[in-house]
């Protein structure tokens, strides 16, 4: 299954399960999941509250949940999640932070 198909299914599922959603709700959900990702990574680094495999599973789950929440936001805003990822990656992959540490930090009219 590809991202556009998943986004369409997520939209249909979300509409069946949650009426009257507001765009801030998936933003808060994604934020919560980033916190869960950080929590799992911290506990893995500390070597407490579970095995490495359990923490890695929790991290993967949080990443997936984040994507689902962000797809939900895109659906509410009428945006194509896959297109956003493609456009952003197209820009990011051109960056070379080792050669140009100020890249994209200067206004466009000041950049070389």
PDB file of N, CA and C in Angstrom:
ATOM      1  N   UNK A   1       0.854  -1.175   0.000  1.00  0.00           N
ATOM      2  CA  UNK A   1       0.000   0.000   0.000  1.00  0.00           C
ATOM      3  C   UNK A   1       0.900   1.238   0.000  1.00  0.00           C
ATOM      4  N   UNK A   2       0.501   2.263  -0.740  1.00  0.00           N
ATOM      5  CA  UNK A   2       1.310   3.475  -0.803  1.00  0.00           C
ATOM      6  C   UNK A   2       0.683   4.596   0.048  1.00  0.00           C
ATOM      7  N   UNK A   3       1.426   5.668   0.231  1.00  0.00           N
ATOM      8  CA  UNK A   3       0.964   6.741   1.113  1.00  0.00           C
ATOM      9  C   UNK A   3      -0.377   7.344   0.700  1.00  0.00           C
ATOM     10  N   UNK A   4      -0.614   7.648  -0.582  1.00  0.00           N
ATOM     11  CA  UNK A   4      -1.938   8.187  -0.931  1.00  0.00           C
ATOM     12  C   UNK A   4      -3.090   7.242  -0.574  1.00  0.00           C
ATOM     13  N   UNK A   5      -2.879   5.930  -0.753  1.00  0.00           N
ATOM     14  CA  UNK A   5      -3.924   4.959  -0.399  1.00  0.00           C
ATOM     15  C   UNK A   5      -4.153   4.947   1.106  1.00  0.00           C
ATOM     16  N   UNK A   6      -3.055   4.978   1.865  1.00  0.00           N
ATOM     17  CA  UNK A   6      -3.179   4.993   3.327  1.00  0.00           C
ATOM     18  C   UNK A   6      -3.876   6.273   3.777  1.00  0.00           C
ATOM     19  N   UNK A   7      -3.518   7.400   3.175  1.00  0.00           N
ATOM     20  CA  UNK A   7      -4.148   8.667   3.555  1.00  0.00           C
ATOM     21  C   UNK A   7      -5.651   8.633   3.280  1.00  0.00           C
ATOM     22  N   UNK A   8      -6.041   8.058   2.137  1.00  0.00           N
ATOM     23  CA  UNK A   8      -7.476   7.958   1.817  1.00  0.00           C
ATOM     24  C   UNK A   8      -8.192   7.071   2.835  1.00  0.00           C
ATOM     25  N   UNK A   9      -7.592   5.924   3.152  1.00  0.00           N
ATOM     26  CA  UNK A   9      -8.191   5.027   4.148  1.00  0.00           C
ATOM     27  C   UNK A   9      -8.259   5.693   5.522  1.00  0.00           C
ATOM     28  N   UNK A  10      -7.210   6.417   5.872  1.00  0.00           N
ATOM     29  CA  UNK A  10      -7.193   7.095   7.173  1.00  0.00           C
ATOM     30  C   UNK A  10      -8.320   8.114   7.243  1.00  0.00           C
ATOM     31  N   UNK A  11      -8.547   8.836   6.157  1.00  0.00           N
ATOM     32  CA  UNK A  11      -9.616   9.834   6.123  1.00  0.00           C
ATOM     33  C   UNK A  11     -10.980   9.179   6.326  1.00  0.00           C
ATOM     34  N   UNK A  12     -11.210   8.092   5.617  1.00  0.00           N
ATOM     35  CA  UNK A  12     -12.489   7.375   5.749  1.00  0.00           C
ATOM     36  C   UNK A  12     -12.659   6.835   7.161  1.00  0.00           C
ATOM     37  N   UNK A  13     -11.619   6.244   7.722  1.00  0.00           N
ATOM     38  CA  UNK A  13     -11.654   5.696   9.086  1.00  0.00           C
ATOM     39  C   UNK A  13     -11.919   6.796  10.103  1.00  0.00           C
ATOM     40  N   UNK A  14     -11.215   7.901   9.943  1.00  0.00           N
ATOM     41  CA  UNK A  14     -11.345   9.008  10.886  1.00  0.00           C
ATOM     42  C   UNK A  14     -12.761   9.588  10.868  1.00  0.00           C
ATOM     43  N   UNK A  15     -13.317   9.730   9.681  1.00  0.00           N
ATOM     44  CA  UNK A  15     -14.680  10.271   9.563  1.00  0.00           C
ATOM     45  C   UNK A  15     -15.700   9.336  10.196  1.00  0.00           C
ATOM     46  N   UNK A  16     -15.461   8.025  10.116  1.00  0.00           N
ATOM     47  CA  UNK A  16     -16.370   7.053  10.745  1.00  0.00           C
ATOM     48  C   UNK A  16     -16.261   7.080  12.271  1.00  0.00           C
ATOM     49  N   UNK A  17     -15.063   7.355  12.777  1.00  0.00           N
ATOM     50  CA  UNK A  17     -14.805   7.220  14.206  1.00  0.00           C
ATOM     51  C   UNK A  17     -14.849   8.508  15.010  1.00  0.00           C
ATOM     52  N   UNK A  18     -14.629   9.630  14.370  1.00  0.00           N
ATOM     53  CA  UNK A  18     -14.547  10.897  15.103  1.00  0.00           C
ATOM     54  C   UNK A  18     -15.304  11.986  14.354  1.00  0.00           C
ATOM     55  N   UNK A  19     -16.430  12.427  14.898  1.00  0.00           N
ATOM     56  CA  UNK A  19     -17.174  13.518  14.269  1.00  0.00           C
ATOM     57  C   UNK A  19     -16.654  14.849  14.809  1.00  0.00           C
ATOM     58  N   UNK A  20     -16.858  15.867  14.036  1.00  0.00           N
ATOM     59  CA  UNK A  20     -16.579  17.245  14.465  1.00  0.00           C
ATOM     60  C   UNK A  20     -15.155  17.459  14.973  1.00  0.00           C
ATOM     61  N   UNK A  21     -14.205  16.819  14.332  1.00  0.00           N
ATOM     62  CA  UNK A  21     -12.805  17.026  14.708  1.00  0.00           C
ATOM     63  C   UNK A  21     -12.354  18.407  14.304  1.00  0.00           C
ATOM     64  N   UNK A  22     -11.415  18.930  15.050  1.00  0.00           N
ATOM     65  CA  UNK A  22     -10.787  20.205  14.739  1.00  0.00           C
ATOM     66  C   UNK A  22      -9.332  19.930  14.345  1.00  0.00           C
ATOM     67  N   UNK A  23      -8.738  20.764  13.478  1.00  0.00           N
ATOM     68  CA  UNK A  23      -7.353  20.522  13.055  1.00  0.00           C
ATOM     69  C   UNK A  23      -6.330  20.511  14.193  1.00  0.00           C
ATOM     70  N   UNK A  24      -6.609  21.170  15.295  1.00  0.00           N
ATOM     71  CA  UNK A  24      -5.630  21.152  16.389  1.00  0.00           C
ATOM     72  C   UNK A  24      -5.534  19.764  17.035  1.00  0.00           C
ATOM     73  N   UNK A  25      -6.572  18.960  16.921  1.00  0.00           N
ATOM     74  CA  UNK A  25      -6.561  17.651  17.595  1.00  0.00           C
ATOM     75  C   UNK A  25      -5.477  16.713  17.059  1.00  0.00           C
ATOM     76  N   UNK A  26      -5.319  16.554  15.747  1.00  0.00           N
ATOM     77  CA  UNK A  26      -4.212  15.703  15.298  1.00  0.00           C
ATOM     78  C   UNK A  26      -2.838  16.335  15.569  1.00  0.00           C
ATOM     79  N   UNK A  27      -2.771  17.654  15.654  1.00  0.00           N
ATOM     80  CA  UNK A  27      -1.502  18.295  16.015  1.00  0.00           C
ATOM     81  C   UNK A  27      -1.125  17.894  17.429  1.00  0.00           C
ATOM     82  N   UNK A  28      -2.099  17.936  18.340  1.00  0.00           N
ATOM     83  CA  UNK A  28      -1.835  17.515  19.722  1.00  0.00           C
ATOM     84  C   UNK A  28      -1.511  16.021  19.780  1.00  0.00           C
ATOM     85  N   UNK A  29      -2.210  15.221  18.981  1.00  0.00           N
ATOM     86  CA  UNK A  29      -1.939  13.787  18.952  1.00  0.00           C
ATOM     87  C   UNK A  29      -0.526  13.492  18.472  1.00  0.00           C
ATOM     88  N   UNK A  30      -0.093  14.180  17.403  1.00  0.00           N
ATOM     89  CA  UNK A  30       1.265  13.978  16.888  1.00  0.00           C
ATOM     90  C   UNK A  30       2.296  14.423  17.924  1.00  0.00           C
ATOM     91  N   UNK A  31       2.000  15.506  18.616  1.00  0.00           N
ATOM     92  CA  UNK A  31       2.908  15.999  19.661  1.00  0.00           C
ATOM     93  C   UNK A  31       3.033  14.982  20.782  1.00  0.00           C
ATOM     94  N   UNK A  32       1.913  14.391  21.175  1.00  0.00           N
ATOM     95  CA  UNK A  32       1.939  13.356  22.210  1.00  0.00           C
ATOM     96  C   UNK A  32       2.805  12.180  21.764  1.00  0.00           C
ATOM     97  N   UNK A  33       2.673  11.785  20.511  1.00  0.00           N
ATOM     98  CA  UNK A  33       3.442  10.657  19.996  1.00  0.00           C
ATOM     99  C   UNK A  33       4.937  10.967  19.939  1.00  0.00           C
ATOM    100  N   UNK A  34       5.309  12.198  19.626  1.00  0.00           N
ATOM    101  CA  UNK A  34       6.729  12.568  19.651  1.00  0.00           C
ATOM    102  C   UNK A  34       7.253  12.442  21.086  1.00  0.00           C
ATOM    103  N   UNK A  35       6.417  12.810  22.061  1.00  0.00           N
ATOM    104  CA  UNK A  35       6.794  12.617  23.465  1.00  0.00           C
ATOM    105  C   UNK A  35       6.994  11.148  23.790  1.00  0.00           C
ATOM    106  N   UNK A  36       6.126  10.289  23.286  1.00  0.00           N
ATOM    107  CA  UNK A  36       6.277   8.844  23.515  1.00  0.00           C
ATOM    108  C   UNK A  36       7.542   8.307  22.845  1.00  0.00           C
ATOM    109  N   UNK A  37       7.859   8.829  21.666  1.00  0.00           N
ATOM    110  CA  UNK A  37       9.092   8.444  20.986  1.00  0.00           C
ATOM    111  C   UNK A  37      10.307   8.829  21.830  1.00  0.00           C
ATOM    112  N   UNK A  38      10.305  10.056  22.330  1.00  0.00           N
ATOM    113  CA  UNK A  38      11.407  10.528  23.165  1.00  0.00           C
ATOM    114  C   UNK A  38      11.508   9.713  24.452  1.00  0.00           C
ATOM    115  N   UNK A  39      10.377   9.395  25.045  1.00  0.00           N
ATOM    116  CA  UNK A  39      10.355   8.613  26.282  1.00  0.00           C
ATOM    117  C   UNK A  39      10.974   7.231  26.054  1.00  0.00           C
ATOM    118  N   UNK A  40      10.553   6.570  24.982  1.00  0.00           N
ATOM    119  CA  UNK A  40      11.076   5.229  24.693  1.00  0.00           C
ATOM    120  C   UNK A  40      12.574   5.279  24.416  1.00  0.00           C
ATOM    121  N   UNK A  41      13.012   6.292  23.685  1.00  0.00           N
ATOM    122  CA  UNK A  41      14.437   6.395  23.387  1.00  0.00           C
ATOM    123  C   UNK A  41      15.243   6.654  24.664  1.00  0.00           C
ATOM    124  N   UNK A  42      14.742   7.543  25.509  1.00  0.00           N
ATOM    125  CA  UNK A  42      15.421   7.846  26.774  1.00  0.00           C
ATOM    126  C   UNK A  42      15.557   6.595  27.629  1.00  0.00           C
ATOM    127  N   UNK A  43      14.473   5.839  27.785  1.00  0.00           N
ATOM    128  CA  UNK A  43      14.523   4.634  28.621  1.00  0.00           C
ATOM    129  C   UNK A  43      15.451   3.586  28.000  1.00  0.00           C
ATOM    130  N   UNK A  44      15.502   3.515  26.673  1.00  0.00           N
ATOM    131  CA  UNK A  44      16.420   2.591  26.021  1.00  0.00           C
ATOM    132  C   UNK A  44      17.863   3.018  26.315  1.00  0.00           C
ATOM    133  N   UNK A  45      18.141   4.309  26.201  1.00  0.00           N
ATOM    134  CA  UNK A  45      19.487   4.811  26.482  1.00  0.00           C
ATOM    135  C   UNK A  45      19.881   4.579  27.946  1.00  0.00           C
ATOM    136  N   UNK A  46      18.904   4.711  28.835  1.00  0.00           N
ATOM    137  CA  UNK A  46      19.171   4.514  30.262  1.00  0.00           C
ATOM    138  C   UNK A  46      19.238   3.035  30.632  1.00  0.00           C
ATOM    139  N   UNK A  47      18.724   2.188  29.742  1.00  0.00           N
ATOM    140  CA  UNK A  47      18.725   0.749  30.002  1.00  0.00           C
ATOM    141  C   UNK A  47      17.750   0.338  31.087  1.00  0.00           C
ATOM    142  N   UNK A  48      16.625   1.061  31.197  1.00  0.00           N
ATOM    143  CA  UNK A  48      15.629   0.758  32.229  1.00  0.00           C
ATOM    144  C   UNK A  48      14.234   0.593  31.623  1.00  0.00           C
ATOM    145  N   UNK A  49      13.345   0.005  32.413  1.00  0.00           N
ATOM    146  CA  UNK A  49      11.925  -0.144  32.088  1.00  0.00           C
ATOM    147  C   UNK A  49      11.653  -0.880  30.786  1.00  0.00           C
ATOM    148  N   UNK A  50      12.437  -1.875  30.489  1.00  0.00           N
ATOM    149  CA  UNK A  50      12.175  -2.685  29.305  1.00  0.00           C
ATOM    150  C   UNK A  50      13.452  -3.056  28.583  1.00  0.00           C
ATOM    151  N   UNK A  51      13.273  -3.943  27.629  1.00  0.00           N
ATOM    152  CA  UNK A  51      14.406  -4.388  26.829  1.00  0.00           C
ATOM    153  C   UNK A  51      14.601  -3.426  25.653  1.00  0.00           C
ATOM    154  N   UNK A  52      15.740  -3.544  25.005  1.00  0.00           N
ATOM    155  CA  UNK A  52      15.986  -2.740  23.807  1.00  0.00           C
ATOM    156  C   UNK A  52      14.903  -3.011  22.755  1.00  0.00           C
ATOM    157  N   UNK A  53      14.559  -4.273  22.587  1.00  0.00           N
ATOM    158  CA  UNK A  53      13.530  -4.637  21.596  1.00  0.00           C
ATOM    159  C   UNK A  53      12.187  -3.989  21.944  1.00  0.00           C
ATOM    160  N   UNK A  54      11.823  -3.978  23.216  1.00  0.00           N
ATOM    161  CA  UNK A  54      10.558  -3.351  23.626  1.00  0.00           C
ATOM    162  C   UNK A  54      10.581  -1.848  23.360  1.00  0.00           C
ATOM    163  N   UNK A  55      11.696  -1.214  23.655  1.00  0.00           N
ATOM    164  CA  UNK A  55      11.810   0.233  23.415  1.00  0.00           C
ATOM    165  C   UNK A  55      11.799   0.545  21.918  1.00  0.00           C
ATOM    166  N   UNK A  56      12.484  -0.285  21.135  1.00  0.00           N
ATOM    167  CA  UNK A  56      12.469  -0.079  19.689  1.00  0.00           C
ATOM    168  C   UNK A  56      11.060  -0.253  19.131  1.00  0.00           C
ATOM    169  N   UNK A  57      10.334  -1.237  19.632  1.00  0.00           N
ATOM    170  CA  UNK A  57       8.944  -1.429  19.199  1.00  0.00           C
ATOM    171  C   UNK A  57       8.111  -0.186  19.540  1.00  0.00           C
ATOM    172  N   UNK A  58       8.278   0.342  20.748  1.00  0.00           N
ATOM    173  CA  UNK A  58       7.542   1.543  21.161  1.00  0.00           C
ATOM    174  C   UNK A  58       7.911   2.737  20.281  1.00  0.00           C
ATOM    175  N   UNK A  59       9.180   2.843  19.923  1.00  0.00           N
ATOM    176  CA  UNK A  59       9.618   3.942  19.067  1.00  0.00           C
ATOM    177  C   UNK A  59       8.999   3.836  17.676  1.00  0.00           C
ATOM    178  N   UNK A  60       9.007   2.650  17.100  1.00  0.00           N
ATOM    179  CA  UNK A  60       8.414   2.445  15.778  1.00  0.00           C
ATOM    180  C   UNK A  60       6.918   2.737  15.804  1.00  0.00           C
ATOM    181  N   UNK A  61       6.250   2.299  16.872  1.00  0.00           N
ATOM    182  CA  UNK A  61       4.822   2.559  17.024  1.00  0.00           C
ATOM    183  C   UNK A  61       4.553   4.067  17.086  1.00  0.00           C
ATOM    184  N   UNK A  62       5.367   4.791  17.833  1.00  0.00           N
ATOM    185  CA  UNK A  62       5.192   6.243  17.955  1.00  0.00           C
ATOM    186  C   UNK A  62       5.412   6.935  16.608  1.00  0.00           C
ATOM    187  N   UNK A  63       6.404   6.487  15.843  1.00  0.00           N
ATOM    188  CA  UNK A  63       6.657   7.074  14.526  1.00  0.00           C
ATOM    189  C   UNK A  63       5.452   6.844  13.611  1.00  0.00           C
ATOM    190  N   UNK A  64       4.945   5.619  13.597  1.00  0.00           N
ATOM    191  CA  UNK A  64       3.764   5.317  12.775  1.00  0.00           C
ATOM    192  C   UNK A  64       2.555   6.135  13.200  1.00  0.00           C
ATOM    193  N   UNK A  65       2.322   6.218  14.513  1.00  0.00           N
ATOM    194  CA  UNK A  65       1.190   6.997  15.016  1.00  0.00           C
ATOM    195  C   UNK A  65       1.322   8.464  14.639  1.00  0.00           C
ATOM    196  N   UNK A  66       2.538   8.992  14.711  1.00  0.00           N
ATOM    197  CA  UNK A  66       2.794  10.385  14.313  1.00  0.00           C
ATOM    198  C   UNK A  66       2.364  10.599  12.864  1.00  0.00           C
ATOM    199  N   UNK A  67       2.781   9.700  12.005  1.00  0.00           N
ATOM    200  CA  UNK A  67       2.434   9.821  10.585  1.00  0.00           C
ATOM    201  C   UNK A  67       0.926   9.780  10.381  1.00  0.00           C
ATOM    202  N   UNK A  68       0.243   8.908  11.097  1.00  0.00           N
ATOM    203  CA  UNK A  68      -1.214   8.813  10.968  1.00  0.00           C
ATOM    204  C   UNK A  68      -1.879  10.114  11.425  1.00  0.00           C
ATOM    205  N   UNK A  69      -1.429  10.652  12.554  1.00  0.00           N
ATOM    206  CA  UNK A  69      -1.982  11.933  13.018  1.00  0.00           C
ATOM    207  C   UNK A  69      -1.710  13.050  12.002  1.00  0.00           C
ATOM    208  N   UNK A  70      -0.506  13.066  11.418  1.00  0.00           N
ATOM    209  CA  UNK A  70      -0.184  14.108  10.445  1.00  0.00           C
ATOM    210  C   UNK A  70      -0.980  13.932   9.157  1.00  0.00           C
ATOM    211  N   UNK A  71      -1.264  12.690   8.773  1.00  0.00           N
ATOM    212  CA  UNK A  71      -2.143  12.450   7.631  1.00  0.00           C
ATOM    213  C   UNK A  71      -3.541  12.988   7.933  1.00  0.00           C
ATOM    214  N   UNK A  72      -3.987  12.783   9.164  1.00  0.00           N
ATOM    215  CA  UNK A  72      -5.303  13.282   9.565  1.00  0.00           C
ATOM    216  C   UNK A  72      -5.355  14.797   9.439  1.00  0.00           C
ATOM    217  N   UNK A  73      -4.312  15.475   9.892  1.00  0.00           N
ATOM    218  CA  UNK A  73      -4.252  16.929   9.742  1.00  0.00           C
ATOM    219  C   UNK A  73      -4.293  17.312   8.269  1.00  0.00           C
ATOM    220  N   UNK A  74      -3.502  16.626   7.451  1.00  0.00           N
ATOM    221  CA  UNK A  74      -3.502  16.901   6.014  1.00  0.00           C
ATOM    222  C   UNK A  74      -4.893  16.708   5.419  1.00  0.00           C
ATOM    223  N   UNK A  75      -5.584  15.654   5.822  1.00  0.00           N
ATOM    224  CA  UNK A  75      -6.936  15.420   5.321  1.00  0.00           C
ATOM    225  C   UNK A  75      -7.858  16.572   5.698  1.00  0.00           C
ATOM    226  N   UNK A  76      -7.762  17.035   6.932  1.00  0.00           N
ATOM    227  CA  UNK A  76      -8.621  18.135   7.366  1.00  0.00           C
ATOM    228  C   UNK A  76      -8.308  19.431   6.630  1.00  0.00           C
ATOM    229  N   UNK A  77      -7.050  19.611   6.256  1.00  0.00           N
ATOM    230  CA  UNK A  77      -6.630  20.841   5.580  1.00  0.00           C
ATOM    231  C   UNK A  77      -6.728  20.728   4.053  1.00  0.00           C
ATOM    232  N   UNK A  78      -7.022  19.510   3.558  1.00  0.00           N
ATOM    233  CA  UNK A  78      -7.109  19.307   2.115  1.00  0.00           C
ATOM    234  C   UNK A  78      -5.745  19.193   1.438  1.00  0.00           C
ATOM    235  N   UNK A  79      -4.755  18.710   2.176  1.00  0.00           N
ATOM    236  CA  UNK A  79      -3.383  18.586   1.663  1.00  0.00           C
ATOM    237  C   UNK A  79      -3.055  17.131   1.363  1.00  0.00           C
ATOM    238  N   UNK A  80      -2.149  16.923   0.425  1.00  0.00           N
ATOM    239  CA  UNK A  80      -1.683  15.597   0.063  1.00  0.00           C
ATOM    240  C   UNK A  80      -0.402  15.310   0.854  1.00  0.00           C
ATOM    241  N   UNK A  81      -0.480  14.369   1.785  1.00  0.00           N
ATOM    242  CA  UNK A  81       0.646  14.032   2.662  1.00  0.00           C
ATOM    243  C   UNK A  81       1.868  13.618   1.847  1.00  0.00           C
ATOM    244  N   UNK A  82       1.672  12.747   0.867  1.00  0.00           N
ATOM    245  CA  UNK A  82       2.764  12.249   0.039  1.00  0.00           C
ATOM    246  C   UNK A  82       3.427  13.390  -0.736  1.00  0.00           C
ATOM    247  N   UNK A  83       2.633  14.299  -1.253  1.00  0.00           N
ATOM    248  CA  UNK A  83       3.166  15.441  -1.996  1.00  0.00           C
ATOM    249  C   UNK A  83       4.020  16.326  -1.081  1.00  0.00           C
ATOM    250  N   UNK A  84       3.576  16.523   0.145  1.00  0.00           N
ATOM    251  CA  UNK A  84       4.340  17.322   1.111  1.00  0.00           C
ATOM    252  C   UNK A  84       5.680  16.654   1.388  1.00  0.00           C
ATOM    253  N   UNK A  85       5.660  15.338   1.603  1.00  0.00           N
ATOM    254  CA  UNK A  85       6.900  14.601   1.856  1.00  0.00           C
ATOM    255  C   UNK A  85       7.831  14.712   0.643  1.00  0.00           C
ATOM    256  N   UNK A  86       7.289  14.508  -0.558  1.00  0.00           N
ATOM    257  CA  UNK A  86       8.101  14.589  -1.783  1.00  0.00           C
ATOM    258  C   UNK A  86       8.720  15.975  -1.944  1.00  0.00           C
ATOM    259  N   UNK A  87       7.913  17.024  -1.774  1.00  0.00           N
ATOM    260  CA  UNK A  87       8.423  18.394  -1.936  1.00  0.00           C
ATOM    261  C   UNK A  87       9.489  18.721  -0.891  1.00  0.00           C
ATOM    262  N   UNK A  88       9.231  18.328   0.330  1.00  0.00           N
ATOM    263  CA  UNK A  88      10.195  18.613   1.395  1.00  0.00           C
ATOM    264  C   UNK A  88      11.490  17.853   1.169  1.00  0.00           C
ATOM    265  N   UNK A  89      11.402  16.566   0.815  1.00  0.00           N
ATOM    266  CA  UNK A  89      12.606  15.782   0.577  1.00  0.00           C
ATOM    267  C   UNK A  89      13.383  16.346  -0.619  1.00  0.00           C
ATOM    268  N   UNK A  90      12.683  16.790  -1.641  1.00  0.00           N
ATOM    269  CA  UNK A  90      13.332  17.371  -2.808  1.00  0.00           C
ATOM    270  C   UNK A  90      14.192  18.571  -2.405  1.00  0.00           C
ATOM    271  N   UNK A  91      13.726  19.344  -1.463  1.00  0.00           N
ATOM    272  CA  UNK A  91      14.484  20.498  -0.964  1.00  0.00           C
ATOM    273  C   UNK A  91      15.610  20.045  -0.029  1.00  0.00           C
ATOM    274  N   UNK A  92      15.295  19.205   0.926  1.00  0.00           N
ATOM    275  CA  UNK A  92      16.269  18.802   1.953  1.00  0.00           C
ATOM    276  C   UNK A  92      17.456  18.062   1.347  1.00  0.00           C
ATOM    277  N   UNK A  93      17.207  17.192   0.370  1.00  0.00           N
ATOM    278  CA  UNK A  93      18.301  16.383  -0.176  1.00  0.00           C
ATOM    279  C   UNK A  93      19.334  17.219  -0.918  1.00  0.00           C
ATOM    280  N   UNK A  94      19.004  18.457  -1.246  1.00  0.00           N
ATOM    281  CA  UNK A  94      19.956  19.344  -1.905  1.00  0.00           C
ATOM    282  C   UNK A  94      20.875  20.045  -0.903  1.00  0.00           C
ATOM    283  N   UNK A  95      20.538  19.978   0.371  1.00  0.00           N
ATOM    284  CA  UNK A  95      21.327  20.655   1.400  1.00  0.00           C
ATOM    285  C   UNK A  95      22.620  19.892   1.673  1.00  0.00           C
ATOM    286  N   UNK A  96      23.688  20.637   1.893  1.00  0.00           N
ATOM    287  CA  UNK A  96      24.956  20.041   2.282  1.00  0.00           C
ATOM    288  C   UNK A  96      25.456  20.819   3.493  1.00  0.00           C
ATOM    289  N   UNK A  97      25.093  20.342   4.663  1.00  0.00           N
ATOM    290  CA  UNK A  97      25.389  21.059   5.902  1.00  0.00           C
ATOM    291  C   UNK A  97      26.864  21.051   6.247  1.00  0.00           C
ATOM    292  N   UNK A  98      27.621  20.108   5.718  1.00  0.00           N
ATOM    293  CA  UNK A  98      29.061  20.086   5.979  1.00  0.00           C
ATOM    294  C   UNK A  98      29.773  21.203   5.220  1.00  0.00           C
ATOM    295  N   UNK A  99      29.300  21.510   4.025  1.00  0.00           N
ATOM    296  CA  UNK A  99      29.921  22.561   3.227  1.00  0.00           C
ATOM    297  C   UNK A  99      29.370  23.949   3.518  1.00  0.00           C
ATOM    298  N   UNK A 100      28.085  24.044   3.858  1.00  0.00           N
ATOM    299  CA  UNK A 100      27.448  25.350   4.049  1.00  0.00           C
ATOM    300  C   UNK A 100      26.612  25.315   5.327  1.00  0.00           C
ATOM    301  N   UNK A 101      27.235  25.633   6.443  1.00  0.00           N
ATOM    302  CA  UNK A 101      26.571  25.543   7.736  1.00  0.00           C
ATOM    303  C   UNK A 101      25.491  26.609   7.932  1.00  0.00           C
ATOM    304  N   UNK A 102      25.471  27.656   7.126  1.00  0.00           N
ATOM    305  CA  UNK A 102      24.452  28.706   7.234  1.00  0.00           C
ATOM    306  C   UNK A 102      23.325  28.528   6.223  1.00  0.00           C
ATOM    307  N   UNK A 103      23.377  27.459   5.482  1.00  0.00           N
ATOM    308  CA  UNK A 103      22.374  27.212   4.448  1.00  0.00           C
ATOM    309  C   UNK A 103      20.972  27.341   5.004  1.00  0.00           C
ATOM    310  N   UNK A 104      20.122  28.061   4.283  1.00  0.00           N
ATOM    311  CA  UNK A 104      18.707  28.249   4.625  1.00  0.00           C
ATOM    312  C   UNK A 104      18.478  29.019   5.919  1.00  0.00           C
ATOM    313  N   UNK A 105      19.525  29.555   6.539  1.00  0.00           N
ATOM    314  CA  UNK A 105      19.291  30.351   7.738  1.00  0.00           C
ATOM    315  C   UNK A 105      19.244  31.826   7.388  1.00  0.00           C
ATOM    316  N   UNK A 106      19.708  32.176   6.205  1.00  0.00           N
ATOM    317  CA  UNK A 106      19.688  33.562   5.761  1.00  0.00           C
ATOM    318  C   UNK A 106      18.476  33.788   4.877  1.00  0.00           C
ATOM    319  N   UNK A 107      17.931  34.999   4.877  1.00  0.00           N
ATOM    320  CA  UNK A 107      16.828  35.292   3.967  1.00  0.00           C
ATOM    321  C   UNK A 107      17.245  35.027   2.519  1.00  0.00           C
ATOM    322  N   UNK A 108      16.303  34.645   1.673  1.00  0.00           N
ATOM    323  CA  UNK A 108      16.595  34.281   0.287  1.00  0.00           C
ATOM    324  C   UNK A 108      17.354  35.390  -0.449  1.00  0.00           C
ATOM    325  N   UNK A 109      17.024  36.660  -0.184  1.00  0.00           N
ATOM    326  CA  UNK A 109      17.684  37.751  -0.907  1.00  0.00           C
ATOM    327  C   UNK A 109      19.150  37.934  -0.481  1.00  0.00           C
ATOM    328  N   UNK A 110      19.549  37.323   0.661  1.00  0.00           N
ATOM    329  CA  UNK A 110      20.925  37.441   1.146  1.00  0.00           C
ATOM    330  C   UNK A 110      21.766  36.234   0.747  1.00  0.00           C
ATOM    331  N   UNK A 111      21.116  35.121   0.452  1.00  0.00           N
ATOM    332  CA  UNK A 111      21.841  33.891   0.115  1.00  0.00           C
ATOM    333  C   UNK A 111      22.578  34.057  -1.195  1.00  0.00           C
ATOM    334  N   UNK A 112      23.664  33.289  -1.360  1.00  0.00           N
ATOM    335  CA  UNK A 112      24.478  33.322  -2.594  1.00  0.00           C
ATOM    336  C   UNK A 112      23.661  32.999  -3.801  1.00  0.00           C
TER     337      UNK A 112
END
